[in-house]
C-alpha atoms as a PDB file:
ATOM      1  CA  UNK A   1       6.532   7.347 -26.276  1.00  0.00           C
ATOM      2  CA  UNK A   2       7.047   3.556 -26.027  1.00  0.00           C
ATOM      3  CA  UNK A   3       4.707   1.610 -23.804  1.00  0.00           C
ATOM      4  CA  UNK A   4       5.803   0.344 -20.343  1.00  0.00           C
ATOM      5  CA  UNK A   5       7.214  -3.178 -20.244  1.00  0.00           C
ATOM      6  CA  UNK A   6       6.332  -5.699 -18.973  1.00  0.00           C
ATOM      7  CA  UNK A   7       2.648  -4.749 -19.419  1.00  0.00           C
ATOM      8  CA  UNK A   8       0.085  -6.579 -17.343  1.00  0.00           C
ATOM      9  CA  UNK A   9      -3.278  -7.491 -18.905  1.00  0.00           C
ATOM     10  CA  UNK A  10      -4.846  -4.664 -16.896  1.00  0.00           C
ATOM     11  CA  UNK A  11      -2.395  -2.139 -18.324  1.00  0.00           C
ATOM     12  CA  UNK A  12      -2.977  -3.346 -21.881  1.00  0.00           C
ATOM     13  CA  UNK A  13      -6.725  -2.886 -21.419  1.00  0.00           C
ATOM     14  CA  UNK A  14      -6.283   0.611 -20.006  1.00  0.00           C
ATOM     15  CA  UNK A  15      -3.936   1.637 -22.808  1.00  0.00           C
ATOM     16  CA  UNK A  16      -6.310   0.304 -25.450  1.00  0.00           C
ATOM     17  CA  UNK A  17      -9.109   2.358 -23.960  1.00  0.00           C
ATOM     18  CA  UNK A  18      -6.959   5.479 -23.731  1.00  0.00           C
ATOM     19  CA  UNK A  19      -5.780   5.387 -27.330  1.00  0.00           C
ATOM     20  CA  UNK A  20      -2.303   5.266 -28.948  1.00  0.00           C
ATOM     21  CA  UNK A  21       0.897   6.118 -27.101  1.00  0.00           C
ATOM     22  CA  UNK A  22       2.157   9.682 -27.268  1.00  0.00           C
ATOM     23  CA  UNK A  23       2.660  12.777 -25.129  1.00  0.00           C
ATOM     24  CA  UNK A  24      -0.676  12.164 -23.417  1.00  0.00           C
ATOM     25  CA  UNK A  25       0.472   8.652 -22.482  1.00  0.00           C
ATOM     26  CA  UNK A  26       3.727  10.017 -21.075  1.00  0.00           C
ATOM     27  CA  UNK A  27       1.846  12.577 -19.016  1.00  0.00           C
ATOM     28  CA  UNK A  28      -0.426   9.812 -17.774  1.00  0.00           C
ATOM     29  CA  UNK A  29       2.545   7.774 -16.551  1.00  0.00           C
ATOM     30  CA  UNK A  30       4.078  10.813 -14.834  1.00  0.00           C
ATOM     31  CA  UNK A  31       0.755  11.543 -13.159  1.00  0.00           C
ATOM     32  CA  UNK A  32       0.505   7.918 -12.047  1.00  0.00           C
ATOM     33  CA  UNK A  33       3.968   8.080 -10.476  1.00  0.00           C
ATOM     34  CA  UNK A  34       2.957  11.247  -8.597  1.00  0.00           C
ATOM     35  CA  UNK A  35      -0.212   9.511  -7.375  1.00  0.00           C
ATOM     36  CA  UNK A  36       1.802   6.573  -6.037  1.00  0.00           C
ATOM     37  CA  UNK A  37       4.257   8.849  -4.202  1.00  0.00           C
ATOM     38  CA  UNK A  38       1.397  10.834  -2.675  1.00  0.00           C
ATOM     39  CA  UNK A  39      -0.209   7.627  -1.470  1.00  0.00           C
ATOM     40  CA  UNK A  40       3.050   6.418   0.058  1.00  0.00           C
ATOM     41  CA  UNK A  41       3.592   9.624   2.046  1.00  0.00           C
ATOM     42  CA  UNK A  42       0.006   9.692   3.287  1.00  0.00           C
ATOM     43  CA  UNK A  43       0.052   6.014   4.287  1.00  0.00           C
ATOM     44  CA  UNK A  44       3.241   6.183   6.336  1.00  0.00           C
ATOM     45  CA  UNK A  45       2.311   9.349   8.204  1.00  0.00           C
ATOM     46  CA  UNK A  46      -1.051   7.753   8.907  1.00  0.00           C
ATOM     47  CA  UNK A  47       0.752   4.699  10.316  1.00  0.00           C
ATOM     48  CA  UNK A  48       2.737   6.938  12.643  1.00  0.00           C
ATOM     49  CA  UNK A  49      -0.460   8.517  13.951  1.00  0.00           C
ATOM     50  CA  UNK A  50      -1.934   5.029  14.395  1.00  0.00           C
ATOM     51  CA  UNK A  51       0.971   4.030  16.662  1.00  0.00           C
ATOM     52  CA  UNK A  52       0.098   6.968  18.918  1.00  0.00           C
ATOM     53  CA  UNK A  53      -3.500   5.709  19.047  1.00  0.00           C
ATOM     54  CA  UNK A  54      -2.660   2.125  20.118  1.00  0.00           C
ATOM     55  CA  UNK A  55      -2.722   2.885  23.891  1.00  0.00           C
ATOM     56  CA  UNK A  56      -6.338   4.062  23.537  1.00  0.00           C
ATOM     57  CA  UNK A  57      -7.854   1.282  21.398  1.00  0.00           C
ATOM     58  CA  UNK A  58      -5.205  -1.372  20.721  1.00  0.00           C
ATOM     59  CA  UNK A  59      -3.969  -2.529  17.326  1.00  0.00           C
ATOM     60  CA  UNK A  60      -7.136  -4.382  16.311  1.00  0.00           C
ATOM     61  CA  UNK A  61      -9.341  -1.542  17.500  1.00  0.00           C
ATOM     62  CA  UNK A  62      -7.402   0.997  15.438  1.00  0.00           C
ATOM     63  CA  UNK A  63      -7.603  -1.252  12.374  1.00  0.00           C
ATOM     64  CA  UNK A  64     -11.369  -1.513  12.797  1.00  0.00           C
ATOM     65  CA  UNK A  65     -11.791   2.243  13.188  1.00  0.00           C
ATOM     66  CA  UNK A  66      -9.629   2.822  10.158  1.00  0.00           C
ATOM     67  CA  UNK A  67     -11.472   0.396   7.902  1.00  0.00           C
ATOM     68  CA  UNK A  68     -14.995   1.265   9.075  1.00  0.00           C
ATOM     69  CA  UNK A  69     -14.501   5.016   8.701  1.00  0.00           C
ATOM     70  CA  UNK A  70     -12.765   4.554   5.350  1.00  0.00           C
ATOM     71  CA  UNK A  71     -15.574   2.356   4.034  1.00  0.00           C
ATOM     72  CA  UNK A  72     -18.245   4.843   5.115  1.00  0.00           C
ATOM     73  CA  UNK A  73     -16.408   7.745   3.471  1.00  0.00           C
ATOM     74  CA  UNK A  74     -15.890   5.829   0.228  1.00  0.00           C
ATOM     75  CA  UNK A  75     -19.504   4.630   0.124  1.00  0.00           C
ATOM     76  CA  UNK A  76     -20.773   8.189   0.570  1.00  0.00           C
ATOM     77  CA  UNK A  77     -18.376   9.697  -1.960  1.00  0.00           C
ATOM     78  CA  UNK A  78     -18.481   6.974  -4.621  1.00  0.00           C
ATOM     79  CA  UNK A  79     -22.057   5.723  -4.215  1.00  0.00           C
ATOM     80  CA  UNK A  80     -21.116   2.513  -6.021  1.00  0.00           C
ATOM     81  CA  UNK A  81     -23.831   0.681  -7.881  1.00  0.00           C
ATOM     82  CA  UNK A  82     -24.258  -2.991  -7.032  1.00  0.00           C
ATOM     83  CA  UNK A  83     -26.057  -4.224 -10.132  1.00  0.00           C
ATOM     84  CA  UNK A  84     -24.735  -5.240 -13.512  1.00  0.00           C
ATOM     85  CA  UNK A  85     -21.585  -7.018 -12.354  1.00  0.00           C
ATOM     86  CA  UNK A  86     -20.579 -10.600 -13.067  1.00  0.00           C
ATOM     87  CA  UNK A  87     -19.767 -13.310 -10.565  1.00  0.00           C
ATOM     88  CA  UNK A  88     -16.095 -12.812 -11.443  1.00  0.00           C
ATOM     89  CA  UNK A  89     -16.353  -9.099 -10.622  1.00  0.00           C
ATOM     90  CA  UNK A  90     -17.760  -9.861  -7.184  1.00  0.00           C
ATOM     91  CA  UNK A  91     -15.169 -12.575  -6.563  1.00  0.00           C
ATOM     92  CA  UNK A  92     -12.454 -10.026  -7.343  1.00  0.00           C
ATOM     93  CA  UNK A  93     -13.854  -7.377  -5.009  1.00  0.00           C
ATOM     94  CA  UNK A  94     -14.371  -9.966  -2.256  1.00  0.00           C
ATOM     95  CA  UNK A  95     -10.775 -11.172  -2.550  1.00  0.00           C
ATOM     96  CA  UNK A  96      -9.611  -7.548  -2.546  1.00  0.00           C
ATOM     97  CA  UNK A  97     -11.542  -6.919   0.674  1.00  0.00           C
ATOM     98  CA  UNK A  98     -10.056 -10.000   2.354  1.00  0.00           C
ATOM     99  CA  UNK A  99      -6.564  -8.849   1.343  1.00  0.00           C
ATOM    100  CA  UNK A 100      -7.216  -5.345   2.713  1.00  0.00           C
ATOM    101  CA  UNK A 101      -8.473  -6.669   6.059  1.00  0.00           C
ATOM    102  CA  UNK A 102      -5.651  -9.158   6.450  1.00  0.00           C
ATOM    103  CA  UNK A 103      -2.881  -6.819   5.316  1.00  0.00           C
ATOM    104  CA  UNK A 104      -3.931  -4.022   7.669  1.00  0.00           C
ATOM    105  CA  UNK A 105      -4.571  -6.283  10.665  1.00  0.00           C
ATOM    106  CA  UNK A 106      -1.257  -8.083  10.331  1.00  0.00           C
ATOM    107  CA  UNK A 107       0.713  -4.887   9.782  1.00  0.00           C
ATOM    108  CA  UNK A 108      -0.787  -3.170  12.827  1.00  0.00           C
ATOM    109  CA  UNK A 109       0.010  -6.247  14.897  1.00  0.00           C
ATOM    110  CA  UNK A 110       3.591  -5.904  13.645  1.00  0.00           C
ATOM    111  CA  UNK A 111       4.046  -2.210  14.450  1.00  0.00           C
ATOM    112  CA  UNK A 112       2.566  -2.853  17.898  1.00  0.00           C
ATOM    113  CA  UNK A 113       5.600  -5.090  18.546  1.00  0.00           C
ATOM    114  CA  UNK A 114       8.516  -3.777  16.445  1.00  0.00           C
ATOM    115  CA  UNK A 115       9.660  -0.338  15.194  1.00  0.00           C
ATOM    116  CA  UNK A 116       7.809   1.148  12.217  1.00  0.00           C
ATOM    117  CA  UNK A 117      10.886   1.216   9.983  1.00  0.00           C
ATOM    118  CA  UNK A 118      11.724  -2.442  10.622  1.00  0.00           C
ATOM    119  CA  UNK A 119       8.101  -3.510  10.084  1.00  0.00           C
ATOM    120  CA  UNK A 120       7.827  -1.699   6.752  1.00  0.00           C
ATOM    121  CA  UNK A 121      11.203  -3.081   5.699  1.00  0.00           C
ATOM    122  CA  UNK A 122      10.062  -6.660   6.294  1.00  0.00           C
ATOM    123  CA  UNK A 123       6.637  -6.024   4.761  1.00  0.00           C
ATOM    124  CA  UNK A 124       8.259  -4.638   1.636  1.00  0.00           C
ATOM    125  CA  UNK A 125       9.715  -8.051   0.792  1.00  0.00           C
ATOM    126  CA  UNK A 126       6.272  -9.026  -0.572  1.00  0.00           C
ATOM    127  CA  UNK A 127       6.122  -6.336  -3.290  1.00  0.00           C
ATOM    128  CA  UNK A 128       9.835  -6.820  -3.957  1.00  0.00           C
ATOM    129  CA  UNK A 129       9.360 -10.496  -4.749  1.00  0.00           C
ATOM    130  CA  UNK A 130       6.340  -9.593  -6.878  1.00  0.00           C
ATOM    131  CA  UNK A 131       8.389  -7.088  -8.885  1.00  0.00           C
ATOM    132  CA  UNK A 132      10.882  -9.790  -9.835  1.00  0.00           C
ATOM    133  CA  UNK A 133       8.271 -12.496 -10.437  1.00  0.00           C
ATOM    134  CA  UNK A 134       6.130 -10.368 -12.786  1.00  0.00           C
ATOM    135  CA  UNK A 135       8.995  -8.859 -14.771  1.00  0.00           C
ATOM    136  CA  UNK A 136      10.601 -10.515 -17.784  1.00  0.00           C
ATOM    137  CA  UNK A 137      13.589  -8.132 -17.923  1.00  0.00           C
ATOM    138  CA  UNK A 138      16.962  -8.737 -16.306  1.00  0.00           C
ATOM    139  CA  UNK A 139      17.288  -5.028 -15.532  1.00  0.00           C
ATOM    140  CA  UNK A 140      14.267  -5.286 -13.225  1.00  0.00           C
ATOM    141  CA  UNK A 141      16.222  -7.782 -11.135  1.00  0.00           C
ATOM    142  CA  UNK A 142      19.043  -5.236 -10.766  1.00  0.00           C
ATOM    143  CA  UNK A 143      16.684  -2.543  -9.471  1.00  0.00           C
ATOM    144  CA  UNK A 144      15.034  -5.038  -7.127  1.00  0.00           C
ATOM    145  CA  UNK A 145      18.416  -6.076  -5.702  1.00  0.00           C
ATOM    146  CA  UNK A 146      19.375  -2.433  -5.207  1.00  0.00           C
ATOM    147  CA  UNK A 147      16.081  -1.765  -3.432  1.00  0.00           C
ATOM    148  CA  UNK A 148      16.584  -4.841  -1.254  1.00  0.00           C
ATOM    149  CA  UNK A 149      20.018  -3.568  -0.256  1.00  0.00           C
ATOM    150  CA  UNK A 150      18.440  -0.288   0.746  1.00  0.00           C
ATOM    151  CA  UNK A 151      15.673  -1.773   2.860  1.00  0.00           C
ATOM    152  CA  UNK A 152      18.084  -4.147   4.599  1.00  0.00           C
ATOM    153  CA  UNK A 153      20.374  -1.236   5.399  1.00  0.00           C
ATOM    154  CA  UNK A 154      17.412   0.806   6.587  1.00  0.00           C
ATOM    155  CA  UNK A 155      16.359  -1.882   9.028  1.00  0.00           C
ATOM    156  CA  UNK A 156      19.869  -2.789  10.137  1.00  0.00           C
ATOM    157  CA  UNK A 157      19.602  -1.330  13.625  1.00  0.00           C
ATOM    158  CA  UNK A 158      15.928  -2.142  14.001  1.00  0.00           C
ATOM    159  CA  UNK A 159      16.552  -5.870  13.433  1.00  0.00           C
ATOM    160  CA  UNK A 160      18.662  -6.179  16.600  1.00  0.00           C
ATOM    161  CA  UNK A 161      16.644  -8.115  19.181  1.00  0.00           C
ATOM    162  CA  UNK A 162      13.588  -8.023  16.924  1.00  0.00           C
ATOM    163  CA  UNK A 163      10.399  -9.534  18.350  1.00  0.00           C
ATOM    164  CA  UNK A 164       9.854 -12.736  16.371  1.00  0.00           C
ATOM    165  CA  UNK A 165       6.066 -12.525  16.443  1.00  0.00           C
ATOM    166  CA  UNK A 166       6.210  -8.935  15.188  1.00  0.00           C
ATOM    167  CA  UNK A 167       8.578  -9.946  12.391  1.00  0.00           C
ATOM    168  CA  UNK A 168       6.291 -12.828  11.405  1.00  0.00           C
ATOM    169  CA  UNK A 169       3.269 -10.505  11.299  1.00  0.00           C
ATOM    170  CA  UNK A 170       5.197  -8.063   9.073  1.00  0.00           C
ATOM    171  CA  UNK A 171       6.284 -10.811   6.656  1.00  0.00           C
ATOM    172  CA  UNK A 172       2.725 -12.143   6.429  1.00  0.00           C
ATOM    173  CA  UNK A 173       1.467  -8.607   5.784  1.00  0.00           C
ATOM    174  CA  UNK A 174       4.012  -8.372   2.970  1.00  0.00           C
ATOM    175  CA  UNK A 175       2.540 -11.424   1.285  1.00  0.00           C
ATOM    176  CA  UNK A 176      -0.911  -9.856   1.392  1.00  0.00           C
ATOM    177  CA  UNK A 177       0.575  -6.556   0.188  1.00  0.00           C
ATOM    178  CA  UNK A 178       1.694  -8.327  -2.991  1.00  0.00           C
ATOM    179  CA  UNK A 179      -1.812  -9.757  -3.370  1.00  0.00           C
ATOM    180  CA  UNK A 180      -3.251  -6.275  -2.789  1.00  0.00           C
ATOM    181  CA  UNK A 181      -1.205  -4.865  -5.684  1.00  0.00           C
ATOM    182  CA  UNK A 182      -2.535  -7.456  -8.128  1.00  0.00           C
ATOM    183  CA  UNK A 183      -6.123  -7.317  -6.870  1.00  0.00           C
ATOM    184  CA  UNK A 184      -6.167  -3.514  -6.868  1.00  0.00           C
ATOM    185  CA  UNK A 185      -5.177  -3.508 -10.527  1.00  0.00           C
ATOM    186  CA  UNK A 186      -7.878  -6.025 -11.429  1.00  0.00           C
ATOM    187  CA  UNK A 187     -10.506  -4.197  -9.395  1.00  0.00           C
ATOM    188  CA  UNK A 188      -9.631  -0.908 -11.081  1.00  0.00           C
ATOM    189  CA  UNK A 189     -10.325  -2.477 -14.465  1.00  0.00           C
ATOM    190  CA  UNK A 190     -13.574  -4.211 -13.510  1.00  0.00           C
ATOM    191  CA  UNK A 191     -15.210  -1.301 -11.637  1.00  0.00           C
ATOM    192  CA  UNK A 192     -15.494   2.378 -12.627  1.00  0.00           C
ATOM    193  CA  UNK A 193     -13.665   5.108 -10.709  1.00  0.00           C
ATOM    194  CA  UNK A 194     -13.118   3.969  -7.099  1.00  0.00           C
ATOM    195  CA  UNK A 195     -16.360   1.974  -6.851  1.00  0.00           C
ATOM    196  CA  UNK A 196     -14.544  -1.344  -6.497  1.00  0.00           C
ATOM    197  CA  UNK A 197     -12.362   0.073  -3.744  1.00  0.00           C
ATOM    198  CA  UNK A 198     -15.435   1.298  -1.839  1.00  0.00           C
ATOM    199  CA  UNK A 199     -17.042  -2.136  -2.030  1.00  0.00           C
ATOM    200  CA  UNK A 200     -13.812  -3.943  -1.091  1.00  0.00           C
ATOM    201  CA  UNK A 201     -13.237  -1.581   1.850  1.00  0.00           C
ATOM    202  CA  UNK A 202     -16.752  -2.383   3.071  1.00  0.00           C
ATOM    203  CA  UNK A 203     -15.943  -6.092   2.955  1.00  0.00           C
ATOM    204  CA  UNK A 204     -12.723  -5.433   4.900  1.00  0.00           C
ATOM    205  CA  UNK A 205     -14.575  -3.353   7.508  1.00  0.00           C
ATOM    206  CA  UNK A 206     -17.195  -6.067   8.075  1.00  0.00           C
ATOM    207  CA  UNK A 207     -14.469  -8.703   8.482  1.00  0.00           C
ATOM    208  CA  UNK A 208     -12.507  -6.630  11.007  1.00  0.00           C
ATOM    209  CA  UNK A 209     -15.482  -5.390  13.052  1.00  0.00           C
ATOM    210  CA  UNK A 210     -15.912  -8.480  15.304  1.00  0.00           C
ATOM    211  CA  UNK A 211     -12.183  -8.541  16.140  1.00  0.00           C
ATOM    212  CA  UNK A 212     -12.124  -4.825  16.842  1.00  0.00           C
ATOM    213  CA  UNK A 213     -15.129  -4.983  19.151  1.00  0.00           C
ATOM    214  CA  UNK A 214     -13.636  -7.930  21.016  1.00  0.00           C
ATOM    215  CA  UNK A 215     -10.259  -6.202  21.374  1.00  0.00           C
ATOM    216  CA  UNK A 216     -11.237  -2.587  22.082  1.00  0.00           C
ATOM    217  CA  UNK A 217     -14.802  -2.706  23.392  1.00  0.00           C
ATOM    218  CA  UNK A 218     -16.253   0.669  24.398  1.00  0.00           C
ATOM    219  CA  UNK A 219     -13.087   2.479  23.287  1.00  0.00           C
ATOM    220  CA  UNK A 220     -14.464   2.319  19.737  1.00  0.00           C
ATOM    221  CA  UNK A 221     -17.202   4.805  20.619  1.00  0.00           C
ATOM    222  CA  UNK A 222     -15.028   7.255  22.583  1.00  0.00           C
ATOM    223  CA  UNK A 223     -15.287  10.611  20.697  1.00  0.00           C
ATOM    224  CA  UNK A 224     -11.561  11.399  20.863  1.00  0.00           C
ATOM    225  CA  UNK A 225     -10.595   7.887  19.776  1.00  0.00           C
ATOM    226  CA  UNK A 226     -13.125   7.956  16.930  1.00  0.00           C
ATOM    227  CA  UNK A 227     -11.821  11.341  15.779  1.00  0.00           C
ATOM    228  CA  UNK A 228      -8.216  10.183  15.736  1.00  0.00           C
ATOM    229  CA  UNK A 229      -9.275   6.942  14.082  1.00  0.00           C
ATOM    230  CA  UNK A 230     -11.028   8.927  11.372  1.00  0.00           C
ATOM    231  CA  UNK A 231      -7.830  10.875  10.722  1.00  0.00           C
ATOM    232  CA  UNK A 232      -5.903   7.611  10.466  1.00  0.00           C
ATOM    233  CA  UNK A 233      -8.537   6.248   8.077  1.00  0.00           C
ATOM    234  CA  UNK A 234      -8.278   9.231   5.753  1.00  0.00           C
ATOM    235  CA  UNK A 235      -4.465   9.242   5.759  1.00  0.00           C
ATOM    236  CA  UNK A 236      -3.895   5.478   5.693  1.00  0.00           C
ATOM    237  CA  UNK A 237      -6.826   4.109   3.685  1.00  0.00           C
ATOM    238  CA  UNK A 238      -9.046   6.524   1.745  1.00  0.00           C
ATOM    239  CA  UNK A 239      -6.357   8.703   0.199  1.00  0.00           C
ATOM    240  CA  UNK A 240      -3.521   6.215  -0.499  1.00  0.00           C
ATOM    241  CA  UNK A 241      -5.702   3.358  -1.736  1.00  0.00           C
ATOM    242  CA  UNK A 242      -7.659   5.629  -4.051  1.00  0.00           C
ATOM    243  CA  UNK A 243      -4.481   7.146  -5.480  1.00  0.00           C
ATOM    244  CA  UNK A 244      -2.870   3.736  -5.961  1.00  0.00           C
ATOM    245  CA  UNK A 245      -5.951   2.235  -7.613  1.00  0.00           C
ATOM    246  CA  UNK A 246      -6.034   5.103 -10.114  1.00  0.00           C
ATOM    247  CA  UNK A 247      -2.273   4.827 -10.690  1.00  0.00           C
ATOM    248  CA  UNK A 248      -2.438   1.100 -11.418  1.00  0.00           C
ATOM    249  CA  UNK A 249      -4.600   1.833 -14.463  1.00  0.00           C
ATOM    250  CA  UNK A 250      -1.493   3.206 -16.183  1.00  0.00           C
ATOM    251  CA  UNK A 251       1.461   1.579 -14.435  1.00  0.00           C
ATOM    252  CA  UNK A 252       2.461  -2.096 -14.842  1.00  0.00           C
ATOM    253  CA  UNK A 253       2.227  -4.155 -11.654  1.00  0.00           C
ATOM    254  CA  UNK A 254       6.001  -4.800 -11.672  1.00  0.00           C
ATOM    255  CA  UNK A 255       6.897  -1.104 -11.882  1.00  0.00           C
ATOM    256  CA  UNK A 256       4.368  -0.220  -9.198  1.00  0.00           C
ATOM    257  CA  UNK A 257       5.765  -2.922  -6.911  1.00  0.00           C
ATOM    258  CA  UNK A 258       9.336  -1.624  -7.142  1.00  0.00           C
ATOM    259  CA  UNK A 259       8.109   1.933  -6.549  1.00  0.00           C
ATOM    260  CA  UNK A 260       6.884   0.609  -3.232  1.00  0.00           C
ATOM    261  CA  UNK A 261      10.559   0.597  -2.221  1.00  0.00           C
ATOM    262  CA  UNK A 262       9.892   4.202  -1.232  1.00  0.00           C
ATOM    263  CA  UNK A 263       7.734   2.934   1.633  1.00  0.00           C
ATOM    264  CA  UNK A 264      10.618   2.250   4.085  1.00  0.00           C
ATOM    265  CA  UNK A 265      12.094   5.676   3.352  1.00  0.00           C
ATOM    266  CA  UNK A 266       8.737   7.341   3.950  1.00  0.00           C
ATOM    267  CA  UNK A 267       8.286   5.299   7.137  1.00  0.00           C
ATOM    268  CA  UNK A 268      11.692   6.420   8.432  1.00  0.00           C
ATOM    269  CA  UNK A 269      10.825  10.058   7.706  1.00  0.00           C
ATOM    270  CA  UNK A 270       7.407   9.764   9.355  1.00  0.00           C
ATOM    271  CA  UNK A 271       8.951   8.021  12.339  1.00  0.00           C
ATOM    272  CA  UNK A 272      11.457  10.858  12.715  1.00  0.00           C
ATOM    273  CA  UNK A 273       8.884  13.650  12.437  1.00  0.00           C
ATOM    274  CA  UNK A 274       5.970  12.084  14.341  1.00  0.00           C
ATOM    275  CA  UNK A 275       7.510   9.457  16.639  1.00  0.00           C
ATOM    276  CA  UNK A 276      10.876  11.242  17.126  1.00  0.00           C
ATOM    277  CA  UNK A 277      12.949   8.323  15.821  1.00  0.00           C
ATOM    278  CA  UNK A 278      16.362   9.699  14.805  1.00  0.00           C
ATOM    279  CA  UNK A 279      17.887   8.993  11.372  1.00  0.00           C
ATOM    280  CA  UNK A 280      21.546   7.921  11.208  1.00  0.00           C
ATOM    281  CA  UNK A 281      23.925   7.828   8.254  1.00  0.00           C
ATOM    282  CA  UNK A 282      22.868   4.265   7.402  1.00  0.00           C
ATOM    283  CA  UNK A 283      19.219   5.261   7.172  1.00  0.00           C
ATOM    284  CA  UNK A 284      20.019   8.278   4.971  1.00  0.00           C
ATOM    285  CA  UNK A 285      22.087   6.078   2.640  1.00  0.00           C
ATOM    286  CA  UNK A 286      19.280   3.535   2.529  1.00  0.00           C
ATOM    287  CA  UNK A 287      16.803   6.220   1.506  1.00  0.00           C
ATOM    288  CA  UNK A 288      19.107   7.166  -1.365  1.00  0.00           C
ATOM    289  CA  UNK A 289      19.345   3.541  -2.524  1.00  0.00           C
ATOM    290  CA  UNK A 290      15.611   2.948  -2.584  1.00  0.00           C
ATOM    291  CA  UNK A 291      14.949   6.245  -4.368  1.00  0.00           C
ATOM    292  CA  UNK A 292      17.505   5.364  -7.070  1.00  0.00           C
ATOM    293  CA  UNK A 293      15.955   1.899  -7.424  1.00  0.00           C
ATOM    294  CA  UNK A 294      12.469   3.350  -7.809  1.00  0.00           C
ATOM    295  CA  UNK A 295      13.530   5.945 -10.367  1.00  0.00           C
ATOM    296  CA  UNK A 296      15.472   3.307 -12.304  1.00  0.00           C
ATOM    297  CA  UNK A 297      12.509   0.945 -12.346  1.00  0.00           C
ATOM    298  CA  UNK A 298      10.118   3.593 -13.644  1.00  0.00           C
ATOM    299  CA  UNK A 299      12.555   4.811 -16.310  1.00  0.00           C
ATOM    300  CA  UNK A 300      13.180   1.244 -17.463  1.00  0.00           C
ATOM    301  CA  UNK A 301       9.451   0.634 -17.814  1.00  0.00           C
ATOM    302  CA  UNK A 302       9.000   3.824 -19.837  1.00  0.00           C
ATOM    303  CA  UNK A 303      11.961   3.520 -22.216  1.00  0.00           C
ATOM    304  CA  UNK A 304      11.504  -0.034 -23.462  1.00  0.00           C
ATOM    305  CA  UNK A 305       8.731  -1.344 -25.670  1.00  0.00           C
END
């Protein structure tokens, strides 16, 4: 089976460690795709639950609960060692933590002001630009354009009278989402298993804690709020980030970024099921476009090399 193209340095390192290409490599790519899809579904349903929690703790309070609980769970499960790493390793994990804190805080500020589908659509522009910038193939541009058409169509109704501050928060979150993709890949290569993620999540939790305390106060220790926040943390942080970090060991950053075009479709589905936001014909068509773009991007990466 040919190797994915364009390979990032992280992917080349992972493939060298795994051995020559073959059926095992193909199975690894298929497994990685399944991991990404699982993370997408979990993340968007977690975001829907978070919206329901905003009246209790506010956007910043929910972000803090999410990151603190996620960091505690990952530290307990992974028990990451802190010795034996270089200064570059720690710089990578620190940057990853900053990206996690900023991305989550900005996104929750966005969905506190604009509909979930519109926020995810705007946020997706970050990974979309990354997919084009990191790919050397013209066909990747075609899939990116198709995905862009889908996300624009998906957010068509939601963009009417859109809150400008909410839109700005979503776009800024998209920029950090692109950084997250690259830093997650590098962290996965520098740290074993999910150790790097556990350390980066701890950095993110410490950064968000002062803002969460200032914004939510005593709501952060309310048992019901903490319980719901823990559920959001598991669905929106622990599970998706772990799955994506593992997936990025086999998938090129460009292919992973275009697969993120499934995020608006998952957000629309979660919004319909959890927040009772109806889907029209335009939204259904948009879901079809982004699915085709994602499948095309993955097939292109796996059939050229």
